N, C-alpha and C. Protein backbone atom coordinates (compact mmCIF):
# COMPACT_ATOMS: atom_id res chain seq x y z
N UNK A 1 3.40 3.95 8.85
CA UNK A 1 2.10 3.87 9.36
C UNK A 1 2.45 2.09 10.21
N UNK A 2 1.42 2.76 11.40
CA UNK A 2 1.54 0.97 12.24
C UNK A 2 0.20 0.33 12.58
N UNK A 3 0.05 -0.58 12.12
CA UNK A 3 -1.67 -0.94 12.45
C UNK A 3 -1.19 -1.87 13.67
N UNK A 4 -0.53 -1.74 14.43
CA UNK A 4 -0.14 -2.78 15.76
C UNK A 4 -1.77 -2.62 16.48
N UNK A 5 -2.11 -3.99 17.00
CA UNK A 5 -3.62 -3.78 17.43
C UNK A 5 -4.54 -3.51 16.67
N UNK A 6 -4.58 -3.17 15.21
CA UNK A 6 -5.61 -3.51 14.75
C UNK A 6 -6.08 -4.90 14.31
N UNK A 7 -7.16 -5.45 14.09
CA UNK A 7 -7.39 -6.78 13.97
C UNK A 7 -7.47 -7.25 12.23
N UNK A 8 -7.84 -6.02 11.69
CA UNK A 8 -8.42 -6.29 10.39
C UNK A 8 -8.82 -5.07 9.47
N UNK A 9 -8.41 -5.10 8.12
CA UNK A 9 -9.09 -4.25 7.85
C UNK A 9 -10.09 -4.34 6.50
N UNK A 10 -10.85 -3.61 6.18
CA UNK A 10 -11.97 -3.65 5.32
C UNK A 10 -11.39 -3.44 3.71
N UNK A 11 -11.69 -4.32 2.61
CA UNK A 11 -11.38 -3.33 1.16
C UNK A 11 -11.66 -1.81 1.25
N UNK A 12 -12.91 -1.64 1.66
CA UNK A 12 -13.33 -0.01 1.34
C UNK A 12 -12.28 0.73 1.84
N UNK A 13 -11.98 0.32 3.26
CA UNK A 13 -10.93 1.15 4.32
C UNK A 13 -9.59 1.42 3.42
N UNK A 14 -9.09 0.46 2.83
CA UNK A 14 -7.90 -0.05 2.03
C UNK A 14 -7.78 0.83 0.85
N UNK A 15 -8.97 1.05 0.30
CA UNK A 15 -9.19 1.97 -1.26
C UNK A 15 -9.49 3.34 -0.71
N UNK A 16 -9.68 3.63 0.40
CA UNK A 16 -9.62 5.20 1.03
C UNK A 16 -8.47 5.09 1.43
N UNK A 17 -7.86 4.31 2.24
CA UNK A 17 -6.11 4.35 2.41
C UNK A 17 -5.67 4.47 1.39
N UNK A 18 -5.27 3.93 0.44
CA UNK A 18 -4.73 4.25 -0.89
C UNK A 18 -4.76 5.70 -1.53
N UNK A 19 -6.37 5.78 -1.56
CA UNK A 19 -6.67 7.20 -2.52
C UNK A 19 -5.30 8.35 -1.31
N UNK A 20 -5.55 8.42 -0.19
CA UNK A 20 -4.53 9.46 0.69
C UNK A 20 -3.03 9.22 0.25
N UNK A 21 -2.49 7.86 0.24
CA UNK A 21 -1.39 7.12 -0.08
C UNK A 21 -0.80 7.61 -1.36
N UNK A 22 -1.63 7.41 -2.24
CA UNK A 22 -1.56 8.13 -3.94
C UNK A 22 -1.24 9.48 -4.07
N UNK A 23 -2.08 10.35 -3.45
CA UNK A 23 -1.57 11.72 -3.54
C UNK A 23 -0.44 12.06 -2.49
N UNK A 24 -0.27 11.56 -1.71
CA UNK A 24 0.95 11.99 -0.87
C UNK A 24 2.29 11.72 -1.76
N UNK A 25 2.18 10.20 -2.47
CA UNK A 25 3.03 9.83 -3.13
C UNK A 25 3.30 10.71 -4.85
N UNK A 26 2.51 11.22 -4.84
CA UNK A 26 2.50 11.92 -6.02
C UNK A 26 2.68 13.37 -6.04
N UNK A 27 2.75 13.70 -4.74
CA UNK A 27 3.32 15.10 -4.67
C UNK A 27 4.85 15.32 -4.25
N UNK A 28 5.16 13.94 -3.92
CA UNK A 28 6.84 14.17 -3.63
C UNK A 28 7.31 14.24 -4.87
N UNK A 29 8.72 15.41 -4.91
CA UNK A 29 9.63 15.57 -5.89
C UNK A 29 10.38 14.08 -6.25
N UNK A 30 10.81 13.72 -7.63
CA UNK A 30 11.42 13.09 -7.91
C UNK A 30 11.25 11.45 -7.76
N UNK A 31 12.08 10.80 -8.13
CA UNK A 31 12.38 9.30 -7.93
C UNK A 31 11.14 8.09 -7.35
N UNK A 32 11.48 7.17 -7.03
CA UNK A 32 10.46 6.32 -6.54
C UNK A 32 10.33 6.47 -5.00
N UNK A 33 8.96 6.42 -4.78
CA UNK A 33 8.64 6.97 -3.22
C UNK A 33 7.80 5.83 -2.75
N UNK A 34 7.85 5.34 -1.23
CA UNK A 34 6.69 4.17 -1.24
C UNK A 34 6.48 4.54 0.58
N UNK A 35 5.51 4.01 0.80
CA UNK A 35 4.82 4.13 2.17
C UNK A 35 5.06 2.90 3.06
N UNK A 36 5.49 2.53 3.97
CA UNK A 36 5.53 1.15 4.72
C UNK A 36 4.62 0.86 6.03
N UNK A 37 3.85 0.15 5.90
CA UNK A 37 2.73 -0.51 6.89
C UNK A 37 3.58 -0.93 7.70
N UNK A 38 3.77 -1.03 8.84
CA UNK A 38 4.34 -1.83 10.03
C UNK A 38 2.91 -2.31 10.30
N UNK A 39 3.55 -3.63 11.04
CA UNK A 39 2.20 -4.30 11.80
C UNK A 39 1.39 -4.57 11.30
N UNK A 40 1.12 -4.90 10.04
CA UNK A 40 -0.25 -5.19 9.31
C UNK A 40 -1.33 -6.25 9.82
N UNK A 41 -2.34 -6.05 9.91
CA UNK A 41 -3.53 -6.89 10.49
C UNK A 41 -3.60 -8.09 9.66
N UNK A 42 -2.90 -8.43 8.23
CA UNK A 42 -3.09 -9.91 7.96
C UNK A 42 -1.83 -9.53 6.85
N UNK A 43 -1.62 -10.55 5.95
CA UNK A 43 -0.70 -11.05 5.11
C UNK A 43 -1.15 -10.25 3.74
N UNK A 44 -0.21 -9.79 2.79
CA UNK A 44 -1.00 -9.55 1.10
C UNK A 44 -1.76 -10.31 0.82
N UNK A 45 -2.95 -9.99 0.43
CA UNK A 45 -3.82 -10.59 -0.23
C UNK A 45 -4.13 -10.32 -1.84
N UNK A 46 -4.25 -11.24 -2.79
CA UNK A 46 -4.75 -10.69 -4.20
C UNK A 46 -5.77 -9.79 -4.08
N UNK A 47 -6.66 -9.80 -2.89
CA UNK A 47 -7.60 -8.80 -2.99
C UNK A 47 -6.99 -7.20 -2.82
N UNK A 48 -6.00 -6.96 -1.91
CA UNK A 48 -5.35 -5.64 -1.56
C UNK A 48 -4.83 -5.49 -2.68
N UNK A 49 -3.93 -6.52 -3.66
CA UNK A 49 -3.13 -6.39 -4.64
C UNK A 49 -3.94 -5.73 -5.65
N UNK A 50 -5.29 -6.17 -6.00
CA UNK A 50 -5.79 -5.70 -6.93
C UNK A 50 -6.52 -4.43 -6.54
N UNK A 51 -6.56 -4.07 -5.15
CA UNK A 51 -6.95 -2.47 -4.87
C UNK A 51 -5.74 -1.78 -5.50
N UNK A 52 -4.81 -1.97 -4.91
CA UNK A 52 -3.50 -1.43 -5.19
C UNK A 52 -3.39 -0.67 -6.55
N UNK A 53 -3.55 -1.93 -7.75
CA UNK A 53 -3.55 -1.73 -8.72
C UNK A 53 -4.43 -0.84 -9.65
N UNK A 54 -5.51 -0.92 -8.91
CA UNK A 54 -6.95 0.60 -9.43
C UNK A 54 -6.32 1.92 -9.21
N UNK A 55 -5.09 2.01 -8.21
CA UNK A 55 -4.82 3.43 -7.79
C UNK A 55 -3.56 3.83 -8.33
N UNK A 56 -2.81 2.41 -9.59
CA UNK A 56 -1.44 2.70 -9.51
C UNK A 56 -0.56 2.61 -9.13
N UNK A 57 -0.90 1.56 -7.99
CA UNK A 57 -0.04 1.29 -6.92
C UNK A 57 0.41 -0.27 -6.85
N UNK A 58 1.40 -0.73 -6.07
CA UNK A 58 1.68 -1.90 -6.10
C UNK A 58 1.83 -2.03 -4.49
N UNK A 59 1.66 -3.18 -4.07
CA UNK A 59 1.68 -3.57 -2.50
C UNK A 59 2.50 -5.03 -2.63
N UNK A 60 3.43 -5.11 -1.54
CA UNK A 60 4.29 -6.39 -1.47
C UNK A 60 4.55 -6.29 -0.27
N UNK A 61 4.69 -7.51 0.23
CA UNK A 61 5.29 -7.96 1.96
C UNK A 61 6.55 -7.96 1.88
N UNK A 62 7.42 -7.18 2.65
CA UNK A 62 8.51 -7.48 2.92
C UNK A 62 8.89 -8.52 4.12
N UNK A 63 10.09 -9.09 3.86
CA UNK A 63 10.48 -10.40 4.77
C UNK A 63 10.07 -10.11 6.32
N UNK A 64 10.03 -8.98 6.46
CA UNK A 64 10.16 -8.82 8.16
C UNK A 64 7.90 -8.84 8.33
N UNK A 65 7.51 -8.81 7.14
CA UNK A 65 5.99 -8.89 7.47
C UNK A 65 5.60 -7.67 7.41
N UNK A 66 6.24 -6.34 7.01
CA UNK A 66 5.40 -5.18 6.54
C UNK A 66 5.19 -4.99 4.84
N UNK A 67 4.02 -3.96 4.98
CA UNK A 67 3.67 -4.23 3.78
C UNK A 67 4.24 -2.44 3.01
N UNK A 68 4.73 -2.79 2.12
CA UNK A 68 5.53 -2.20 1.14
C UNK A 68 4.62 -1.35 0.05
N UNK A 69 3.90 -0.18 0.20
CA UNK A 69 3.07 0.14 -1.25
C UNK A 69 4.10 1.34 -1.79
N UNK A 70 4.44 1.27 -3.01
CA UNK A 70 4.97 2.07 -4.15
C UNK A 70 4.14 2.20 -5.53
N UNK A 71 4.37 3.13 -5.98
CA UNK A 71 4.18 3.67 -7.47
C UNK A 71 4.55 2.42 -8.43
N UNK A 72 3.09 2.03 -9.22
CA UNK A 72 3.31 0.91 -10.18
C UNK A 72 4.29 1.30 -11.62
N UNK A 73 5.23 0.74 -11.92
CA UNK A 73 5.95 1.49 -12.87
C UNK A 73 5.91 0.36 -13.88
N UNK A 74 5.52 0.94 -15.15
CA UNK A 74 4.87 0.18 -16.09
C UNK A 74 5.90 0.02 -17.27
N UNK A 75 6.27 -1.01 -17.57
CA UNK A 75 7.31 -1.33 -18.65
C UNK A 75 7.17 -0.63 -19.90
N UNK A 76 8.11 -0.16 -20.30
CA UNK A 76 7.60 0.81 -21.82
C UNK A 76 8.32 -0.26 -22.76
């Protein structure tokens, strides 16, 4: 996904986006899958991290600034 030209996103939009991402990731067979958001409108914030956790996902900011969203792996 590329958010180039977008100035910001609201928590409610991010929540809805994660519903779609969560569903898409859960349908993929095997292994760990992730979605990369290119040119995000802001840095990853604790608020976005919390919204992701509600969906069982994690969000991290890569060195290039992209957001990487993937399934949250719980320790056994």
